[in-house]
Amino acid sequence: MAPKKRPAAAKASSAKKSKTEEAEPEIHFAVPPAEKGPMATLPESLPKPVTLPLKSTALICIDFQKDFMSEGGFGHALGNDVTKLSEECLPGAQVLLAAAREKKLL
């Protein structure tokens, strides 16, 4: 006799998404995008390029703390590789912040 599937596993298998649904996640905005004004396209965004209306888009930089970015912090104590965060996130955030300041967006 074959083992019975758990109820959660049975539901998951019956509600499989098509490859199109998996490849195209829906993007939600907290507020409706501005209808008019300048737009910025981020062609290298993943999973797909994103076009943002600049009048209703904010740049938010989180507080990069030792706990999550450095060896000896909380993230490192959990066994996470924090070098990727410090080597990739910080330089990218610095470039983005400098560009926003240069364009007088802040």
PDB file of N, CA and C in Angstrom:
ATOM      1  N   MET A   1       0.841  -1.176   0.000  1.00  0.00           N
ATOM      2  CA  MET A   1       0.000   0.000   0.000  1.00  0.00           C
ATOM      3  C   MET A   1       0.889   1.243   0.000  1.00  0.00           C
ATOM      4  N   ALA A   2       0.599   2.192  -0.886  1.00  0.00           N
ATOM      5  CA  ALA A   2       1.398   3.415  -0.999  1.00  0.00           C
ATOM      6  C   ALA A   2       1.120   4.327   0.192  1.00  0.00           C
ATOM      7  N   PRO A   3       2.146   5.049   0.651  1.00  0.00           N
ATOM      8  CA  PRO A   3       1.921   5.964   1.775  1.00  0.00           C
ATOM      9  C   PRO A   3       0.989   7.101   1.363  1.00  0.00           C
ATOM     10  N   LYS A   4       0.199   7.554   2.326  1.00  0.00           N
ATOM     11  CA  LYS A   4      -0.729   8.655   2.052  1.00  0.00           C
ATOM     12  C   LYS A   4       0.039   9.971   2.038  1.00  0.00           C
ATOM     13  N   LYS A   5      -0.414  10.879   1.189  1.00  0.00           N
ATOM     14  CA  LYS A   5       0.190  12.208   1.155  1.00  0.00           C
ATOM     15  C   LYS A   5      -0.379  13.036   2.291  1.00  0.00           C
ATOM     16  N   ARG A   6       0.467  13.895   2.821  1.00  0.00           N
ATOM     17  CA  ARG A   6      -0.018  14.830   3.831  1.00  0.00           C
ATOM     18  C   ARG A   6      -0.964  15.805   3.151  1.00  0.00           C
ATOM     19  N   PRO A   7      -1.965  16.327   3.862  1.00  0.00           N
ATOM     20  CA  PRO A   7      -2.928  17.251   3.245  1.00  0.00           C
ATOM     21  C   PRO A   7      -2.254  18.451   2.579  1.00  0.00           C
ATOM     22  N   ALA A   8      -1.239  19.036   3.210  1.00  0.00           N
ATOM     23  CA  ALA A   8      -0.567  20.203   2.625  1.00  0.00           C
ATOM     24  C   ALA A   8       0.133  19.823   1.334  1.00  0.00           C
ATOM     25  N   ALA A   9       0.747  18.665   1.298  1.00  0.00           N
ATOM     26  CA  ALA A   9       1.447  18.220   0.087  1.00  0.00           C
ATOM     27  C   ALA A   9       0.456  17.944  -1.031  1.00  0.00           C
ATOM     28  N   ALA A  10      -0.701  17.405  -0.686  1.00  0.00           N
ATOM     29  CA  ALA A  10      -1.714  17.125  -1.703  1.00  0.00           C
ATOM     30  C   ALA A  10      -2.242  18.416  -2.306  1.00  0.00           C
ATOM     31  N   LYS A  11      -2.459  19.437  -1.481  1.00  0.00           N
ATOM     32  CA  LYS A  11      -2.934  20.725  -1.983  1.00  0.00           C
ATOM     33  C   LYS A  11      -1.888  21.372  -2.880  1.00  0.00           C
ATOM     34  N   ALA A  12      -0.632  21.314  -2.478  1.00  0.00           N
ATOM     35  CA  ALA A  12       0.435  21.954  -3.252  1.00  0.00           C
ATOM     36  C   ALA A  12       0.562  21.326  -4.630  1.00  0.00           C
ATOM     37  N   SER A  13       0.433  20.009  -4.704  1.00  0.00           N
ATOM     38  CA  SER A  13       0.594  19.355  -6.004  1.00  0.00           C
ATOM     39  C   SER A  13      -0.589  19.618  -6.918  1.00  0.00           C
ATOM     40  N   SER A  14      -1.777  19.825  -6.343  1.00  0.00           N
ATOM     41  CA  SER A  14      -2.946  20.075  -7.183  1.00  0.00           C
ATOM     42  C   SER A  14      -3.010  21.522  -7.652  1.00  0.00           C
ATOM     43  N   ALA A  15      -2.264  22.406  -7.013  1.00  0.00           N
ATOM     44  CA  ALA A  15      -2.306  23.825  -7.373  1.00  0.00           C
ATOM     45  C   ALA A  15      -0.989  24.278  -7.989  1.00  0.00           C
ATOM     46  N   LYS A  16      -0.379  23.418  -8.780  1.00  0.00           N
ATOM     47  CA  LYS A  16       0.891  23.788  -9.395  1.00  0.00           C
ATOM     48  C   LYS A  16       0.698  24.941 -10.355  1.00  0.00           C
ATOM     49  N   LYS A  17       1.676  25.843 -10.357  1.00  0.00           N
ATOM     50  CA  LYS A  17       1.634  26.989 -11.250  1.00  0.00           C
ATOM     51  C   LYS A  17       2.302  26.637 -12.565  1.00  0.00           C
ATOM     52  N   SER A  18       1.842  27.294 -13.600  1.00  0.00           N
ATOM     53  CA  SER A  18       2.477  27.084 -14.898  1.00  0.00           C
ATOM     54  C   SER A  18       3.841  27.758 -14.896  1.00  0.00           C
ATOM     55  N   LYS A  19       4.691  27.402 -15.845  1.00  0.00           N
ATOM     56  CA  LYS A  19       6.021  28.004 -15.933  1.00  0.00           C
ATOM     57  C   LYS A  19       5.926  29.504 -16.165  1.00  0.00           C
ATOM     58  N   THR A  20       4.900  29.951 -16.879  1.00  0.00           N
ATOM     59  CA  THR A  20       4.719  31.380 -17.134  1.00  0.00           C
ATOM     60  C   THR A  20       4.459  32.116 -15.833  1.00  0.00           C
ATOM     61  N   GLU A  21       3.614  31.544 -14.964  1.00  0.00           N
ATOM     62  CA  GLU A  21       3.319  32.180 -13.684  1.00  0.00           C
ATOM     63  C   GLU A  21       4.560  32.255 -12.807  1.00  0.00           C
ATOM     64  N   GLU A  22       5.378  31.231 -12.823  1.00  0.00           N
ATOM     65  CA  GLU A  22       6.591  31.230 -12.017  1.00  0.00           C
ATOM     66  C   GLU A  22       7.605  32.233 -12.545  1.00  0.00           C
ATOM     67  N   ALA A  23       7.684  32.400 -13.854  1.00  0.00           N
ATOM     68  CA  ALA A  23       8.674  33.277 -14.461  1.00  0.00           C
ATOM     69  C   ALA A  23       8.273  34.747 -14.368  1.00  0.00           C
ATOM     70  N   GLU A  24       7.010  35.043 -14.220  1.00  0.00           N
ATOM     71  CA  GLU A  24       6.524  36.419 -14.219  1.00  0.00           C
ATOM     72  C   GLU A  24       5.863  36.768 -12.885  1.00  0.00           C
ATOM     73  N   PRO A  25       6.644  37.069 -11.848  1.00  0.00           N
ATOM     74  CA  PRO A  25       6.020  37.439 -10.577  1.00  0.00           C
ATOM     75  C   PRO A  25       5.301  38.777 -10.714  1.00  0.00           C
ATOM     76  N   GLU A  26       4.222  38.914 -10.016  1.00  0.00           N
ATOM     77  CA  GLU A  26       3.444  40.142 -10.076  1.00  0.00           C
ATOM     78  C   GLU A  26       4.128  41.208  -9.230  1.00  0.00           C
ATOM     79  N   ILE A  27       4.209  42.422  -9.751  1.00  0.00           N
ATOM     80  CA  ILE A  27       4.835  43.528  -9.030  1.00  0.00           C
ATOM     81  C   ILE A  27       3.731  44.387  -8.433  1.00  0.00           C
ATOM     82  N   HIS A  28       3.837  44.666  -7.138  1.00  0.00           N
ATOM     83  CA  HIS A  28       2.852  45.482  -6.441  1.00  0.00           C
ATOM     84  C   HIS A  28       3.498  46.783  -5.997  1.00  0.00           C
ATOM     85  N   PHE A  29       2.756  47.872  -6.086  1.00  0.00           N
ATOM     86  CA  PHE A  29       3.218  49.169  -5.623  1.00  0.00           C
ATOM     87  C   PHE A  29       2.395  49.571  -4.408  1.00  0.00           C
ATOM     88  N   ALA A  30       3.034  50.237  -3.436  1.00  0.00           N
ATOM     89  CA  ALA A  30       2.326  50.684  -2.242  1.00  0.00           C
ATOM     90  C   ALA A  30       1.323  51.780  -2.574  1.00  0.00           C
ATOM     91  N   VAL A  31       1.664  52.609  -3.536  1.00  0.00           N
ATOM     92  CA  VAL A  31       0.763  53.661  -4.008  1.00  0.00           C
ATOM     93  C   VAL A  31       0.689  53.558  -5.522  1.00  0.00           C
ATOM     94  N   PRO A  32      -0.371  54.058  -6.122  1.00  0.00           N
ATOM     95  CA  PRO A  32      -0.432  54.013  -7.587  1.00  0.00           C
ATOM     96  C   PRO A  32       0.730  54.809  -8.191  1.00  0.00           C
ATOM     97  N   PRO A  33       1.367  54.295  -9.233  1.00  0.00           N
ATOM     98  CA  PRO A  33       2.462  55.028  -9.871  1.00  0.00           C
ATOM     99  C   PRO A  33       1.966  56.340 -10.480  1.00  0.00           C
ATOM    100  N   ALA A  34       2.849  57.340 -10.514  1.00  0.00           N
ATOM    101  CA  ALA A  34       2.512  58.617 -11.144  1.00  0.00           C
ATOM    102  C   ALA A  34       2.205  58.373 -12.614  1.00  0.00           C
ATOM    103  N   GLU A  35       1.185  59.037 -13.110  1.00  0.00           N
ATOM    104  CA  GLU A  35       0.767  58.832 -14.501  1.00  0.00           C
ATOM    105  C   GLU A  35       1.637  59.612 -15.478  1.00  0.00           C
ATOM    106  N   LYS A  36       2.145  60.776 -15.044  1.00  0.00           N
ATOM    107  CA  LYS A  36       2.941  61.618 -15.933  1.00  0.00           C
ATOM    108  C   LYS A  36       4.278  61.915 -15.277  1.00  0.00           C
ATOM    109  N   GLY A  37       5.242  62.252 -16.098  1.00  0.00           N
ATOM    110  CA  GLY A  37       6.545  62.625 -15.571  1.00  0.00           C
ATOM    111  C   GLY A  37       7.630  61.687 -16.045  1.00  0.00           C
ATOM    112  N   PRO A  38       8.862  61.960 -15.606  1.00  0.00           N
ATOM    113  CA  PRO A  38       9.998  61.156 -16.065  1.00  0.00           C
ATOM    114  C   PRO A  38       9.948  59.728 -15.528  1.00  0.00           C
ATOM    115  N   MET A  39      10.457  58.822 -16.327  1.00  0.00           N
ATOM    116  CA  MET A  39      10.511  57.405 -15.958  1.00  0.00           C
ATOM    117  C   MET A  39      11.973  56.966 -15.948  1.00  0.00           C
ATOM    118  N   ALA A  40      12.286  55.976 -15.145  1.00  0.00           N
ATOM    119  CA  ALA A  40      13.626  55.383 -15.119  1.00  0.00           C
ATOM    120  C   ALA A  40      13.475  53.885 -15.312  1.00  0.00           C
ATOM    121  N   THR A  41      14.241  53.329 -16.234  1.00  0.00           N
ATOM    122  CA  THR A  41      14.210  51.890 -16.472  1.00  0.00           C
ATOM    123  C   THR A  41      15.479  51.267 -15.929  1.00  0.00           C
ATOM    124  N   LEU A  42      15.309  50.206 -15.170  1.00  0.00           N
ATOM    125  CA  LEU A  42      16.432  49.451 -14.612  1.00  0.00           C
ATOM    126  C   LEU A  42      16.523  48.146 -15.389  1.00  0.00           C
ATOM    127  N   PRO A  43      17.317  48.129 -16.476  1.00  0.00           N
ATOM    128  CA  PRO A  43      17.330  46.971 -17.371  1.00  0.00           C
ATOM    129  C   PRO A  43      17.933  45.708 -16.766  1.00  0.00           C
ATOM    130  N   GLU A  44      18.778  45.852 -15.752  1.00  0.00           N
ATOM    131  CA  GLU A  44      19.440  44.675 -15.185  1.00  0.00           C
ATOM    132  C   GLU A  44      18.739  44.142 -13.942  1.00  0.00           C
ATOM    133  N   SER A  45      17.561  44.668 -13.627  1.00  0.00           N
ATOM    134  CA  SER A  45      16.815  44.182 -12.471  1.00  0.00           C
ATOM    135  C   SER A  45      16.405  42.736 -12.680  1.00  0.00           C
ATOM    136  N   LEU A  46      16.357  41.997 -11.584  1.00  0.00           N
ATOM    137  CA  LEU A  46      15.934  40.600 -11.634  1.00  0.00           C
ATOM    138  C   LEU A  46      14.636  40.447 -10.859  1.00  0.00           C
ATOM    139  N   PRO A  47      13.711  39.711 -11.307  1.00  0.00           N
ATOM    140  CA  PRO A  47      13.782  38.727 -12.383  1.00  0.00           C
ATOM    141  C   PRO A  47      13.564  39.314 -13.765  1.00  0.00           C
ATOM    142  N   LYS A  48      13.186  40.615 -13.858  1.00  0.00           N
ATOM    143  CA  LYS A  48      13.000  41.229 -15.172  1.00  0.00           C
ATOM    144  C   LYS A  48      13.220  42.732 -15.039  1.00  0.00           C
ATOM    145  N   PRO A  49      13.455  43.429 -16.150  1.00  0.00           N
ATOM    146  CA  PRO A  49      13.630  44.882 -16.088  1.00  0.00           C
ATOM    147  C   PRO A  49      12.404  45.571 -15.481  1.00  0.00           C
ATOM    148  N   VAL A  50      12.657  46.676 -14.795  1.00  0.00           N
ATOM    149  CA  VAL A  50      11.588  47.418 -14.133  1.00  0.00           C
ATOM    150  C   VAL A  50      11.648  48.869 -14.597  1.00  0.00           C
ATOM    151  N   THR A  51      10.497  49.445 -14.886  1.00  0.00           N
ATOM    152  CA  THR A  51      10.408  50.868 -15.204  1.00  0.00           C
ATOM    153  C   THR A  51       9.676  51.555 -14.059  1.00  0.00           C
ATOM    154  N   LEU A  52      10.291  52.599 -13.506  1.00  0.00           N
ATOM    155  CA  LEU A  52       9.741  53.285 -12.343  1.00  0.00           C
ATOM    156  C   LEU A  52       9.407  54.734 -12.664  1.00  0.00           C
ATOM    157  N   PRO A  53       8.253  55.214 -12.221  1.00  0.00           N
ATOM    158  CA  PRO A  53       7.923  56.629 -12.358  1.00  0.00           C
ATOM    159  C   PRO A  53       8.647  57.412 -11.260  1.00  0.00           C
ATOM    160  N   LEU A  54       9.510  58.347 -11.648  1.00  0.00           N
ATOM    161  CA  LEU A  54      10.351  59.027 -10.667  1.00  0.00           C
ATOM    162  C   LEU A  54       9.569  59.908  -9.698  1.00  0.00           C
ATOM    163  N   LYS A  55       8.415  60.422 -10.111  1.00  0.00           N
ATOM    164  CA  LYS A  55       7.635  61.285  -9.219  1.00  0.00           C
ATOM    165  C   LYS A  55       7.034  60.525  -8.040  1.00  0.00           C
ATOM    166  N   SER A  56       6.879  59.227  -8.168  1.00  0.00           N
ATOM    167  CA  SER A  56       6.273  58.455  -7.078  1.00  0.00           C
ATOM    168  C   SER A  56       7.173  57.303  -6.632  1.00  0.00           C
ATOM    169  N   THR A  57       8.486  57.481  -6.796  1.00  0.00           N
ATOM    170  CA  THR A  57       9.442  56.449  -6.393  1.00  0.00           C
ATOM    171  C   THR A  57      10.381  57.018  -5.338  1.00  0.00           C
ATOM    172  N   ALA A  58      10.659  56.244  -4.309  1.00  0.00           N
ATOM    173  CA  ALA A  58      11.556  56.677  -3.240  1.00  0.00           C
ATOM    174  C   ALA A  58      12.800  55.799  -3.216  1.00  0.00           C
ATOM    175  N   LEU A  59      13.897  56.382  -2.789  1.00  0.00           N
ATOM    176  CA  LEU A  59      15.124  55.626  -2.554  1.00  0.00           C
ATOM    177  C   LEU A  59      15.231  55.420  -1.052  1.00  0.00           C
ATOM    178  N   ILE A  60      15.219  54.180  -0.636  1.00  0.00           N
ATOM    179  CA  ILE A  60      15.298  53.857   0.785  1.00  0.00           C
ATOM    180  C   ILE A  60      16.553  53.036   1.018  1.00  0.00           C
ATOM    181  N   CYS A  61      17.428  53.539   1.868  1.00  0.00           N
ATOM    182  CA  CYS A  61      18.637  52.796   2.247  1.00  0.00           C
ATOM    183  C   CYS A  61      18.458  52.351   3.687  1.00  0.00           C
ATOM    184  N   ILE A  62      18.515  51.058   3.900  1.00  0.00           N
ATOM    185  CA  ILE A  62      18.374  50.553   5.262  1.00  0.00           C
ATOM    186  C   ILE A  62      19.643  50.837   6.041  1.00  0.00           C
ATOM    187  N   ASP A  63      19.567  50.695   7.336  1.00  0.00           N
ATOM    188  CA  ASP A  63      20.721  50.898   8.202  1.00  0.00           C
ATOM    189  C   ASP A  63      21.607  49.659   8.110  1.00  0.00           C
ATOM    190  N   PHE A  64      22.744  49.796   7.456  1.00  0.00           N
ATOM    191  CA  PHE A  64      23.674  48.677   7.316  1.00  0.00           C
ATOM    192  C   PHE A  64      24.420  48.518   8.641  1.00  0.00           C
ATOM    193  N   GLN A  65      24.058  47.520   9.401  1.00  0.00           N
ATOM    194  CA  GLN A  65      24.593  47.340  10.744  1.00  0.00           C
ATOM    195  C   GLN A  65      25.619  46.223  10.795  1.00  0.00           C
ATOM    196  N   LYS A  66      26.473  46.312  11.804  1.00  0.00           N
ATOM    197  CA  LYS A  66      27.482  45.278  12.009  1.00  0.00           C
ATOM    198  C   LYS A  66      26.829  43.909  12.172  1.00  0.00           C
ATOM    199  N   ASP A  67      25.676  43.875  12.808  1.00  0.00           N
ATOM    200  CA  ASP A  67      25.013  42.592  13.055  1.00  0.00           C
ATOM    201  C   ASP A  67      24.767  41.799  11.778  1.00  0.00           C
ATOM    202  N   PHE A  68      24.557  42.475  10.673  1.00  0.00           N
ATOM    203  CA  PHE A  68      24.231  41.778   9.433  1.00  0.00           C
ATOM    204  C   PHE A  68      25.331  41.851   8.385  1.00  0.00           C
ATOM    205  N   MET A  69      26.307  42.740   8.569  1.00  0.00           N
ATOM    206  CA  MET A  69      27.293  42.994   7.527  1.00  0.00           C
ATOM    207  C   MET A  69      28.708  42.553   7.878  1.00  0.00           C
ATOM    208  N   SER A  70      28.993  42.260   9.138  1.00  0.00           N
ATOM    209  CA  SER A  70      30.376  42.014   9.548  1.00  0.00           C
ATOM    210  C   SER A  70      30.549  40.671  10.239  1.00  0.00           C
ATOM    211  N   GLU A  71      31.760  40.149  10.118  1.00  0.00           N
ATOM    212  CA  GLU A  71      32.096  38.940  10.871  1.00  0.00           C
ATOM    213  C   GLU A  71      32.041  39.289  12.353  1.00  0.00           C
ATOM    214  N   GLY A  72      31.499  38.391  13.138  1.00  0.00           N
ATOM    215  CA  GLY A  72      31.336  38.629  14.561  1.00  0.00           C
ATOM    216  C   GLY A  72      29.957  39.170  14.905  1.00  0.00           C
ATOM    217  N   GLY A  73      29.191  39.572  13.909  1.00  0.00           N
ATOM    218  CA  GLY A  73      27.842  40.070  14.143  1.00  0.00           C
ATOM    219  C   GLY A  73      26.843  38.927  14.246  1.00  0.00           C
ATOM    220  N   PHE A  74      25.588  39.275  14.437  1.00  0.00           N
ATOM    221  CA  PHE A  74      24.528  38.287  14.629  1.00  0.00           C
ATOM    222  C   PHE A  74      24.383  37.361  13.428  1.00  0.00           C
ATOM    223  N   GLY A  75      24.372  37.929  12.223  1.00  0.00           N
ATOM    224  CA  GLY A  75      24.231  37.110  11.016  1.00  0.00           C
ATOM    225  C   GLY A  75      25.353  36.106  10.875  1.00  0.00           C
ATOM    226  N   HIS A  76      26.560  36.540  11.182  1.00  0.00           N
ATOM    227  CA  HIS A  76      27.725  35.654  11.111  1.00  0.00           C
ATOM    228  C   HIS A  76      27.617  34.556  12.169  1.00  0.00           C
ATOM    229  N   ALA A  77      27.137  34.914  13.359  1.00  0.00           N
ATOM    230  CA  ALA A  77      26.978  33.931  14.433  1.00  0.00           C
ATOM    231  C   ALA A  77      25.966  32.849  14.057  1.00  0.00           C
ATOM    232  N   LEU A  78      25.012  33.193  13.191  1.00  0.00           N
ATOM    233  CA  LEU A  78      24.030  32.210  12.728  1.00  0.00           C
ATOM    234  C   LEU A  78      24.595  31.296  11.650  1.00  0.00           C
ATOM    235  N   GLY A  79      25.801  31.613  11.188  1.00  0.00           N
ATOM    236  CA  GLY A  79      26.418  30.801  10.153  1.00  0.00           C
ATOM    237  C   GLY A  79      26.254  31.371   8.756  1.00  0.00           C
ATOM    238  N   ASN A  80      25.726  32.575   8.650  1.00  0.00           N
ATOM    239  CA  ASN A  80      25.546  33.207   7.338  1.00  0.00           C
ATOM    240  C   ASN A  80      26.874  33.736   6.805  1.00  0.00           C
ATOM    241  N   ASP A  81      27.021  33.717   5.483  1.00  0.00           N
ATOM    242  CA  ASP A  81      28.201  34.284   4.836  1.00  0.00           C
ATOM    243  C   ASP A  81      27.958  35.776   4.657  1.00  0.00           C
ATOM    244  N   VAL A  82      28.480  36.583   5.571  1.00  0.00           N
ATOM    245  CA  VAL A  82      28.241  38.024   5.535  1.00  0.00           C
ATOM    246  C   VAL A  82      29.174  38.746   4.570  1.00  0.00           C
ATOM    247  N   THR A  83      30.180  38.052   4.046  1.00  0.00           N
ATOM    248  CA  THR A  83      31.102  38.720   3.124  1.00  0.00           C
ATOM    249  C   THR A  83      30.390  39.134   1.844  1.00  0.00           C
ATOM    250  N   LYS A  84      29.431  38.347   1.376  1.00  0.00           N
ATOM    251  CA  LYS A  84      28.691  38.722   0.162  1.00  0.00           C
ATOM    252  C   LYS A  84      27.935  40.025   0.376  1.00  0.00           C
ATOM    253  N   LEU A  85      27.328  40.178   1.537  1.00  0.00           N
ATOM    254  CA  LEU A  85      26.598  41.411   1.811  1.00  0.00           C
ATOM    255  C   LEU A  85      27.525  42.614   1.801  1.00  0.00           C
ATOM    256  N   SER A  86      28.642  42.502   2.503  1.00  0.00           N
ATOM    257  CA  SER A  86      29.541  43.648   2.584  1.00  0.00           C
ATOM    258  C   SER A  86      30.257  43.912   1.270  1.00  0.00           C
ATOM    259  N   GLU A  87      30.551  42.882   0.498  1.00  0.00           N
ATOM    260  CA  GLU A  87      31.279  43.059  -0.761  1.00  0.00           C
ATOM    261  C   GLU A  87      30.376  43.482  -1.916  1.00  0.00           C
ATOM    262  N   GLU A  88      29.101  43.128  -1.883  1.00  0.00           N
ATOM    263  CA  GLU A  88      28.217  43.418  -3.010  1.00  0.00           C
ATOM    264  C   GLU A  88      27.169  44.485  -2.702  1.00  0.00           C
ATOM    265  N   CYS A  89      26.569  44.431  -1.542  1.00  0.00           N
ATOM    266  CA  CYS A  89      25.493  45.379  -1.238  1.00  0.00           C
ATOM    267  C   CYS A  89      26.007  46.789  -0.961  1.00  0.00           C
ATOM    268  N   LEU A  90      27.043  46.899  -0.147  1.00  0.00           N
ATOM    269  CA  LEU A  90      27.529  48.233   0.209  1.00  0.00           C
ATOM    270  C   LEU A  90      28.021  49.030  -0.992  1.00  0.00           C
ATOM    271  N   PRO A  91      28.886  48.479  -1.861  1.00  0.00           N
ATOM    272  CA  PRO A  91      29.313  49.263  -3.027  1.00  0.00           C
ATOM    273  C   PRO A  91      28.142  49.656  -3.934  1.00  0.00           C
ATOM    274  N   GLY A  92      27.198  48.756  -4.129  1.00  0.00           N
ATOM    275  CA  GLY A  92      26.032  49.074  -4.952  1.00  0.00           C
ATOM    276  C   GLY A  92      25.197  50.190  -4.341  1.00  0.00           C
ATOM    277  N   ALA A  93      25.013  50.143  -3.029  1.00  0.00           N
ATOM    278  CA  ALA A  93      24.251  51.185  -2.339  1.00  0.00           C
ATOM    279  C   ALA A  93      24.975  52.526  -2.422  1.00  0.00           C
ATOM    280  N   GLN A  94      26.297  52.508  -2.324  1.00  0.00           N
ATOM    281  CA  GLN A  94      27.076  53.745  -2.428  1.00  0.00           C
ATOM    282  C   GLN A  94      26.929  54.377  -3.809  1.00  0.00           C
ATOM    283  N   VAL A  95      26.976  53.563  -4.856  1.00  0.00           N
ATOM    284  CA  VAL A  95      26.821  54.070  -6.227  1.00  0.00           C
ATOM    285  C   VAL A  95      25.422  54.647  -6.420  1.00  0.00           C
ATOM    286  N   LEU A  96      24.416  53.933  -5.957  1.00  0.00           N
ATOM    287  CA  LEU A  96      23.033  54.382  -6.097  1.00  0.00           C
ATOM    288  C   LEU A  96      22.798  55.686  -5.343  1.00  0.00           C
ATOM    289  N   LEU A  97      23.300  55.777  -4.132  1.00  0.00           N
ATOM    290  CA  LEU A  97      23.136  56.981  -3.322  1.00  0.00           C
ATOM    291  C   LEU A  97      23.860  58.169  -3.956  1.00  0.00           C
ATOM    292  N   ALA A  98      25.073  57.950  -4.465  1.00  0.00           N
ATOM    293  CA  ALA A  98      25.826  59.023  -5.128  1.00  0.00           C
ATOM    294  C   ALA A  98      25.090  59.517  -6.373  1.00  0.00           C
ATOM    295  N   ALA A  99      24.524  58.599  -7.146  1.00  0.00           N
ATOM    296  CA  ALA A  99      23.782  58.986  -8.353  1.00  0.00           C
ATOM    297  C   ALA A  99      22.543  59.797  -7.989  1.00  0.00           C
ATOM    298  N   ALA A 100      21.842  59.403  -6.940  1.00  0.00           N
ATOM    299  CA  ALA A 100      20.653  60.140  -6.510  1.00  0.00           C
ATOM    300  C   ALA A 100      21.033  61.540  -6.035  1.00  0.00           C
ATOM    301  N   ARG A 101      22.144  61.653  -5.325  1.00  0.00           N
ATOM    302  CA  ARG A 101      22.599  62.974  -4.862  1.00  0.00           C
ATOM    303  C   ARG A 101      23.022  63.846  -6.043  1.00  0.00           C
ATOM    304  N   GLU A 102      23.713  63.248  -7.003  1.00  0.00           N
ATOM    305  CA  GLU A 102      24.172  63.992  -8.177  1.00  0.00           C
ATOM    306  C   GLU A 102      22.995  64.566  -8.968  1.00  0.00           C
ATOM    307  N   LYS A 103      21.916  63.810  -9.044  1.00  0.00           N
ATOM    308  CA  LYS A 103      20.724  64.248  -9.787  1.00  0.00           C
ATOM    309  C   LYS A 103      19.797  65.107  -8.928  1.00  0.00           C
ATOM    310  N   LYS A 104      20.242  65.426  -7.709  1.00  0.00           N
ATOM    311  CA  LYS A 104      19.465  66.263  -6.780  1.00  0.00           C
ATOM    312  C   LYS A 104      18.109  65.643  -6.446  1.00  0.00           C
ATOM    313  N   LEU A 105      18.092  64.317  -6.322  1.00  0.00           N
ATOM    314  CA  LEU A 105      16.857  63.621  -5.964  1.00  0.00           C
ATOM    315  C   LEU A 105      16.667  63.542  -4.457  1.00  0.00           C
ATOM    316  N   LEU A 106      17.715  63.846  -3.703  1.00  0.00           N
ATOM    317  CA  LEU A 106      17.629  63.766  -2.238  1.00  0.00           C
ATOM    318  C   LEU A 106      17.705  65.138  -1.617  1.00  0.00           C
TER     319      LEU A 106
END
